[in-house]
């Protein structure tokens, strides 16, 4: 029997014009679903979507992601948001823990060292 939670993955939208914070939280939930059910389909799905993100124009040179996927709201280009960066960082850690693949730690370290540390006030807030 498929749980209601497992059925929710079906409703996750394609990577497109949406708020990255909500999208990444939902994707993190799919990884958590894998952790609870051990159903490899959930992990495969999460890895596939992660790869789509880092292979797209939404993956910034700094290792971060924009506040909105596929939407550049200003002349300066994409703007970021601390929540989305934290979500992406946590997704990297979750996928590393679930798969043991070092590439996820590498993505997380790159994001932390090149985006998160340099994109905050002296107090530590964004």
N, C-alpha and C. Protein backbone atom coordinates (compact mmCIF):
# COMPACT_ATOMS: atom_id res chain seq x y z
N UNK A 1 0.84 -1.18 0.00
CA UNK A 1 0.00 0.00 0.00
C UNK A 1 0.89 1.24 0.00
N UNK A 2 0.58 2.21 -0.85
CA UNK A 2 1.35 3.44 -0.94
C UNK A 2 0.76 4.46 0.03
N UNK A 3 1.63 5.04 0.84
CA UNK A 3 1.16 6.03 1.81
C UNK A 3 0.81 7.34 1.11
N UNK A 4 0.02 8.15 1.78
CA UNK A 4 -0.34 9.46 1.25
C UNK A 4 0.92 10.28 1.00
N UNK A 5 1.86 10.18 1.91
CA UNK A 5 3.11 10.93 1.78
C UNK A 5 3.84 10.53 0.50
N UNK A 6 3.88 9.26 0.19
CA UNK A 6 4.56 8.81 -1.02
C UNK A 6 3.86 9.30 -2.28
N UNK A 7 2.56 9.45 -2.22
CA UNK A 7 1.82 9.94 -3.37
C UNK A 7 2.09 11.42 -3.63
N UNK A 8 2.48 12.19 -2.62
CA UNK A 8 2.71 13.62 -2.78
C UNK A 8 3.84 13.92 -3.76
N UNK A 9 4.81 13.03 -3.89
CA UNK A 9 5.91 13.24 -4.82
C UNK A 9 5.39 13.47 -6.23
N UNK A 10 4.29 12.84 -6.55
CA UNK A 10 3.70 12.95 -7.88
C UNK A 10 3.34 14.41 -8.18
N UNK A 11 3.00 15.17 -7.15
CA UNK A 11 2.54 16.54 -7.34
C UNK A 11 3.67 17.56 -7.36
N UNK A 12 4.89 17.13 -7.22
CA UNK A 12 6.01 18.06 -7.26
C UNK A 12 6.17 18.57 -8.69
N UNK A 13 6.20 19.89 -8.87
CA UNK A 13 6.28 20.43 -10.24
C UNK A 13 7.65 20.21 -10.86
N UNK A 14 7.70 20.31 -12.17
CA UNK A 14 8.97 20.27 -12.87
C UNK A 14 9.77 21.51 -12.47
N UNK A 15 11.07 21.41 -12.58
CA UNK A 15 11.93 22.56 -12.31
C UNK A 15 11.56 23.65 -13.30
N UNK A 16 11.10 24.76 -12.81
CA UNK A 16 10.65 25.82 -13.69
C UNK A 16 10.53 27.14 -12.95
N UNK A 17 9.60 27.95 -13.36
CA UNK A 17 9.44 29.28 -12.80
C UNK A 17 8.69 29.20 -11.47
N UNK A 18 9.44 28.98 -10.40
CA UNK A 18 8.84 28.93 -9.08
C UNK A 18 9.86 29.34 -8.02
N UNK A 19 9.34 29.59 -6.84
CA UNK A 19 10.18 29.99 -5.72
C UNK A 19 11.07 28.81 -5.32
N UNK A 20 12.36 29.03 -5.29
CA UNK A 20 13.29 27.92 -5.05
C UNK A 20 13.20 27.39 -3.62
N UNK A 21 12.88 28.23 -2.66
CA UNK A 21 12.79 27.79 -1.26
C UNK A 21 11.73 26.70 -1.12
N UNK A 22 10.53 26.94 -1.65
CA UNK A 22 9.47 25.94 -1.56
C UNK A 22 9.81 24.68 -2.33
N UNK A 23 10.39 24.84 -3.53
CA UNK A 23 10.75 23.70 -4.36
C UNK A 23 11.79 22.83 -3.65
N UNK A 24 12.83 23.46 -3.11
CA UNK A 24 13.91 22.71 -2.46
C UNK A 24 13.43 22.04 -1.18
N UNK A 25 12.54 22.69 -0.43
CA UNK A 25 11.98 22.06 0.76
C UNK A 25 11.21 20.81 0.40
N UNK A 26 10.44 20.89 -0.68
CA UNK A 26 9.68 19.72 -1.13
C UNK A 26 10.62 18.60 -1.56
N UNK A 27 11.68 18.95 -2.29
CA UNK A 27 12.65 17.95 -2.71
C UNK A 27 13.35 17.32 -1.51
N UNK A 28 13.67 18.13 -0.51
CA UNK A 28 14.26 17.58 0.72
C UNK A 28 13.29 16.59 1.37
N UNK A 29 12.00 16.88 1.27
CA UNK A 29 10.99 15.97 1.81
C UNK A 29 10.99 14.63 1.09
N UNK A 30 11.27 14.63 -0.21
CA UNK A 30 11.34 13.37 -0.95
C UNK A 30 12.54 12.55 -0.46
N UNK A 31 13.65 13.21 -0.16
CA UNK A 31 14.81 12.49 0.40
C UNK A 31 14.44 11.92 1.77
N UNK A 32 13.73 12.69 2.57
CA UNK A 32 13.29 12.20 3.88
C UNK A 32 12.36 11.00 3.73
N UNK A 33 11.54 11.05 2.69
CA UNK A 33 10.65 9.93 2.40
C UNK A 33 11.47 8.67 2.12
N UNK A 34 12.55 8.83 1.37
CA UNK A 34 13.45 7.70 1.12
C UNK A 34 14.02 7.18 2.44
N UNK A 35 14.43 8.10 3.31
CA UNK A 35 15.03 7.70 4.59
C UNK A 35 14.07 6.86 5.43
N UNK A 36 12.77 7.13 5.31
CA UNK A 36 11.77 6.42 6.09
C UNK A 36 11.36 5.11 5.43
N UNK A 37 11.22 5.13 4.10
CA UNK A 37 10.68 3.95 3.41
C UNK A 37 11.76 3.04 2.80
N UNK A 38 12.95 3.57 2.60
CA UNK A 38 14.02 2.86 1.90
C UNK A 38 13.63 2.47 0.47
N UNK A 39 12.67 3.18 -0.08
CA UNK A 39 12.25 2.94 -1.46
C UNK A 39 13.24 3.66 -2.37
N UNK A 40 14.03 2.93 -3.15
CA UNK A 40 15.07 3.57 -3.97
C UNK A 40 14.53 4.53 -5.02
N UNK A 41 13.26 4.40 -5.38
CA UNK A 41 12.68 5.31 -6.37
C UNK A 41 12.70 6.76 -5.88
N UNK A 42 12.50 6.95 -4.58
CA UNK A 42 12.51 8.30 -4.01
C UNK A 42 13.91 8.91 -4.08
N UNK A 43 14.91 8.11 -3.79
CA UNK A 43 16.29 8.61 -3.85
C UNK A 43 16.70 8.87 -5.29
N UNK A 44 16.36 7.97 -6.19
CA UNK A 44 16.68 8.17 -7.62
C UNK A 44 16.04 9.45 -8.14
N UNK A 45 14.79 9.67 -7.77
CA UNK A 45 14.08 10.88 -8.19
C UNK A 45 14.81 12.12 -7.66
N UNK A 46 15.18 12.13 -6.40
CA UNK A 46 15.85 13.28 -5.78
C UNK A 46 17.19 13.55 -6.44
N UNK A 47 17.94 12.51 -6.72
CA UNK A 47 19.24 12.70 -7.38
C UNK A 47 19.05 13.25 -8.80
N UNK A 48 18.03 12.77 -9.49
CA UNK A 48 17.76 13.24 -10.85
C UNK A 48 17.42 14.73 -10.86
N UNK A 49 16.58 15.15 -9.93
CA UNK A 49 16.20 16.57 -9.86
C UNK A 49 17.40 17.41 -9.44
N UNK A 50 18.20 16.93 -8.50
CA UNK A 50 19.42 17.65 -8.09
C UNK A 50 20.31 17.88 -9.31
N UNK A 51 20.49 16.84 -10.11
CA UNK A 51 21.34 16.96 -11.29
C UNK A 51 20.77 17.97 -12.28
N UNK A 52 19.44 18.00 -12.40
CA UNK A 52 18.82 19.00 -13.28
C UNK A 52 19.13 20.41 -12.79
N UNK A 53 19.11 20.61 -11.49
CA UNK A 53 19.38 21.94 -10.92
C UNK A 53 20.81 22.36 -11.23
N UNK A 54 21.78 21.50 -10.92
CA UNK A 54 23.19 21.90 -11.09
C UNK A 54 23.61 21.93 -12.55
N UNK A 55 22.80 21.35 -13.43
CA UNK A 55 23.10 21.39 -14.87
C UNK A 55 22.37 22.53 -15.58
N UNK A 56 21.60 23.28 -14.84
CA UNK A 56 20.78 24.32 -15.44
C UNK A 56 21.38 25.71 -15.22
N UNK A 57 20.76 26.70 -15.83
CA UNK A 57 21.18 28.09 -15.63
C UNK A 57 20.84 28.58 -14.23
N UNK A 58 20.09 27.79 -13.49
CA UNK A 58 19.74 28.16 -12.11
C UNK A 58 20.88 27.93 -11.13
N UNK A 59 21.88 27.19 -11.53
CA UNK A 59 23.02 26.93 -10.65
C UNK A 59 24.04 28.04 -10.88
N UNK A 60 24.24 28.87 -9.86
CA UNK A 60 25.11 30.03 -9.98
C UNK A 60 26.58 29.63 -9.92
N UNK A 61 27.41 30.47 -10.45
CA UNK A 61 28.85 30.21 -10.46
C UNK A 61 29.41 30.09 -9.04
N UNK A 62 28.71 30.68 -8.09
CA UNK A 62 29.12 30.64 -6.69
C UNK A 62 28.67 29.36 -5.98
N UNK A 63 27.90 28.54 -6.68
CA UNK A 63 27.40 27.31 -6.07
C UNK A 63 26.02 27.46 -5.46
N UNK A 64 25.47 28.66 -5.52
CA UNK A 64 24.15 28.90 -4.98
C UNK A 64 23.06 28.78 -6.03
N UNK A 65 21.85 29.07 -5.60
CA UNK A 65 20.70 29.06 -6.49
C UNK A 65 19.94 30.38 -6.33
N UNK A 66 19.21 30.80 -7.36
CA UNK A 66 18.45 32.05 -7.25
C UNK A 66 17.20 31.87 -6.40
N UNK A 67 16.64 32.99 -5.99
CA UNK A 67 15.40 32.96 -5.20
C UNK A 67 14.26 32.35 -6.01
N UNK A 68 14.23 32.62 -7.30
CA UNK A 68 13.21 32.06 -8.19
C UNK A 68 13.91 31.31 -9.31
N UNK A 69 13.53 30.07 -9.53
CA UNK A 69 14.07 29.31 -10.65
C UNK A 69 13.50 29.86 -11.96
N UNK A 70 14.37 30.00 -12.95
CA UNK A 70 13.99 30.41 -14.31
C UNK A 70 13.30 31.77 -14.36
N UNK A 71 13.61 32.64 -13.42
CA UNK A 71 12.99 33.96 -13.41
C UNK A 71 14.01 34.98 -12.94
N UNK A 72 14.35 35.89 -13.81
CA UNK A 72 15.34 36.90 -13.47
C UNK A 72 14.63 38.23 -13.34
N UNK A 73 14.41 38.65 -12.10
CA UNK A 73 13.53 39.78 -11.79
C UNK A 73 14.16 41.15 -11.96
N UNK A 74 15.43 41.22 -12.16
CA UNK A 74 16.06 42.54 -12.24
C UNK A 74 17.10 42.58 -13.35
N UNK A 75 17.52 43.77 -13.68
CA UNK A 75 18.53 43.95 -14.72
C UNK A 75 19.86 43.35 -14.30
N UNK A 76 20.09 43.24 -13.01
CA UNK A 76 21.34 42.67 -12.51
C UNK A 76 21.36 41.14 -12.59
N UNK A 77 20.23 40.55 -12.91
CA UNK A 77 20.16 39.10 -13.00
C UNK A 77 19.45 38.51 -11.80
N UNK A 78 19.75 37.28 -11.49
CA UNK A 78 19.06 36.56 -10.43
C UNK A 78 19.47 37.09 -9.07
N UNK A 79 18.52 37.14 -8.19
CA UNK A 79 18.84 37.47 -6.80
C UNK A 79 18.69 36.20 -5.98
N UNK A 80 19.43 36.13 -4.91
CA UNK A 80 19.37 34.93 -4.08
C UNK A 80 18.60 35.21 -2.80
N UNK A 81 18.46 34.17 -2.00
CA UNK A 81 17.74 34.26 -0.74
C UNK A 81 18.39 33.26 0.21
N UNK A 82 18.65 33.69 1.42
CA UNK A 82 19.32 32.82 2.40
C UNK A 82 18.61 31.51 2.65
N UNK A 83 17.28 31.54 2.66
CA UNK A 83 16.53 30.30 2.91
C UNK A 83 16.82 29.26 1.83
N UNK A 84 16.83 29.72 0.58
CA UNK A 84 17.08 28.79 -0.52
C UNK A 84 18.50 28.24 -0.47
N UNK A 85 19.44 29.10 -0.10
CA UNK A 85 20.84 28.63 0.00
C UNK A 85 20.97 27.59 1.11
N UNK A 86 20.32 27.85 2.23
CA UNK A 86 20.35 26.88 3.33
C UNK A 86 19.68 25.57 2.92
N UNK A 87 18.56 25.67 2.20
CA UNK A 87 17.87 24.47 1.72
C UNK A 87 18.77 23.65 0.79
N UNK A 88 19.43 24.35 -0.13
CA UNK A 88 20.29 23.66 -1.08
C UNK A 88 21.47 23.01 -0.36
N UNK A 89 22.02 23.70 0.62
CA UNK A 89 23.12 23.15 1.42
C UNK A 89 22.66 21.89 2.16
N UNK A 90 21.50 21.98 2.79
CA UNK A 90 20.98 20.82 3.52
C UNK A 90 20.64 19.66 2.58
N UNK A 91 20.16 19.98 1.37
CA UNK A 91 19.90 18.93 0.38
C UNK A 91 21.19 18.21 0.02
N UNK A 92 22.26 18.97 -0.15
CA UNK A 92 23.56 18.35 -0.43
C UNK A 92 23.96 17.37 0.68
N UNK A 93 23.78 17.81 1.92
CA UNK A 93 24.14 16.94 3.05
C UNK A 93 23.24 15.71 3.12
N UNK A 94 21.95 15.90 2.90
CA UNK A 94 21.02 14.77 2.93
C UNK A 94 21.36 13.74 1.85
N UNK A 95 21.65 14.22 0.64
CA UNK A 95 21.97 13.29 -0.45
C UNK A 95 23.29 12.59 -0.20
N UNK A 96 24.25 13.29 0.38
CA UNK A 96 25.52 12.65 0.73
C UNK A 96 25.27 11.54 1.76
N UNK A 97 24.50 11.88 2.79
CA UNK A 97 24.23 10.89 3.83
C UNK A 97 23.48 9.67 3.28
N UNK A 98 22.54 9.92 2.36
CA UNK A 98 21.73 8.83 1.81
C UNK A 98 22.49 7.97 0.82
N UNK A 99 23.44 8.58 0.08
CA UNK A 99 24.12 7.84 -0.99
C UNK A 99 25.57 7.51 -0.69
N UNK A 100 26.21 8.30 0.18
CA UNK A 100 27.64 8.14 0.43
C UNK A 100 28.50 8.72 -0.69
N UNK A 101 27.87 9.41 -1.65
CA UNK A 101 28.61 9.97 -2.78
C UNK A 101 29.24 11.31 -2.38
N UNK A 102 30.56 11.38 -2.52
CA UNK A 102 31.30 12.58 -2.12
C UNK A 102 30.94 13.81 -2.94
N UNK A 103 30.42 13.63 -4.13
CA UNK A 103 30.09 14.79 -4.96
C UNK A 103 29.10 15.71 -4.26
N UNK A 104 28.21 15.15 -3.46
CA UNK A 104 27.24 16.00 -2.75
C UNK A 104 27.92 16.83 -1.67
N UNK A 105 28.90 16.26 -1.00
CA UNK A 105 29.69 17.05 -0.04
C UNK A 105 30.48 18.13 -0.76
N UNK A 106 31.00 17.80 -1.93
CA UNK A 106 31.74 18.79 -2.73
C UNK A 106 30.84 19.96 -3.12
N UNK A 107 29.63 19.66 -3.58
CA UNK A 107 28.69 20.73 -3.92
C UNK A 107 28.37 21.59 -2.69
N UNK A 108 28.14 20.94 -1.56
CA UNK A 108 27.83 21.66 -0.34
C UNK A 108 28.98 22.54 0.13
N UNK A 109 30.20 22.01 0.07
CA UNK A 109 31.36 22.80 0.46
C UNK A 109 31.56 23.99 -0.47
N UNK A 110 31.40 23.76 -1.76
CA UNK A 110 31.56 24.84 -2.74
C UNK A 110 30.55 25.96 -2.47
N UNK A 111 29.31 25.58 -2.24
CA UNK A 111 28.26 26.54 -1.92
C UNK A 111 28.61 27.32 -0.65
N UNK A 112 29.00 26.61 0.37
CA UNK A 112 29.31 27.26 1.65
C UNK A 112 30.48 28.23 1.52
N UNK A 113 31.55 27.77 0.91
CA UNK A 113 32.77 28.58 0.83
C UNK A 113 32.67 29.74 -0.16
N UNK A 114 31.90 29.59 -1.23
CA UNK A 114 31.89 30.59 -2.30
C UNK A 114 30.63 31.42 -2.38
N UNK A 115 29.60 31.02 -1.69
CA UNK A 115 28.35 31.79 -1.75
C UNK A 115 27.91 32.23 -0.36
N UNK A 116 27.76 31.28 0.54
CA UNK A 116 27.18 31.59 1.84
C UNK A 116 28.09 32.48 2.70
N UNK A 117 29.36 32.18 2.75
CA UNK A 117 30.26 32.96 3.61
C UNK A 117 30.42 34.40 3.15
N UNK A 118 30.34 34.62 1.86
CA UNK A 118 30.57 35.96 1.33
C UNK A 118 29.29 36.74 1.09
N UNK A 119 28.17 36.17 1.44
CA UNK A 119 26.90 36.80 1.14
C UNK A 119 26.09 37.02 2.42
N UNK A 120 26.71 37.68 3.37
CA UNK A 120 26.02 37.98 4.61
C UNK A 120 26.63 39.21 5.26
N UNK A 121 25.90 39.76 6.20
CA UNK A 121 26.42 40.89 6.94
C UNK A 121 27.45 40.41 7.96
N UNK A 122 28.19 41.35 8.49
CA UNK A 122 29.22 41.01 9.50
C UNK A 122 28.63 40.28 10.68
N UNK A 123 27.37 40.57 10.99
CA UNK A 123 26.68 39.92 12.12
C UNK A 123 26.34 38.46 11.83
N UNK A 124 26.43 38.06 10.56
CA UNK A 124 26.09 36.70 10.18
C UNK A 124 24.74 36.57 9.52
N UNK A 125 23.94 37.63 9.58
CA UNK A 125 22.62 37.57 8.93
C UNK A 125 22.75 38.00 7.48
N UNK A 126 21.74 37.72 6.70
CA UNK A 126 21.73 38.09 5.27
C UNK A 126 21.20 39.46 5.10
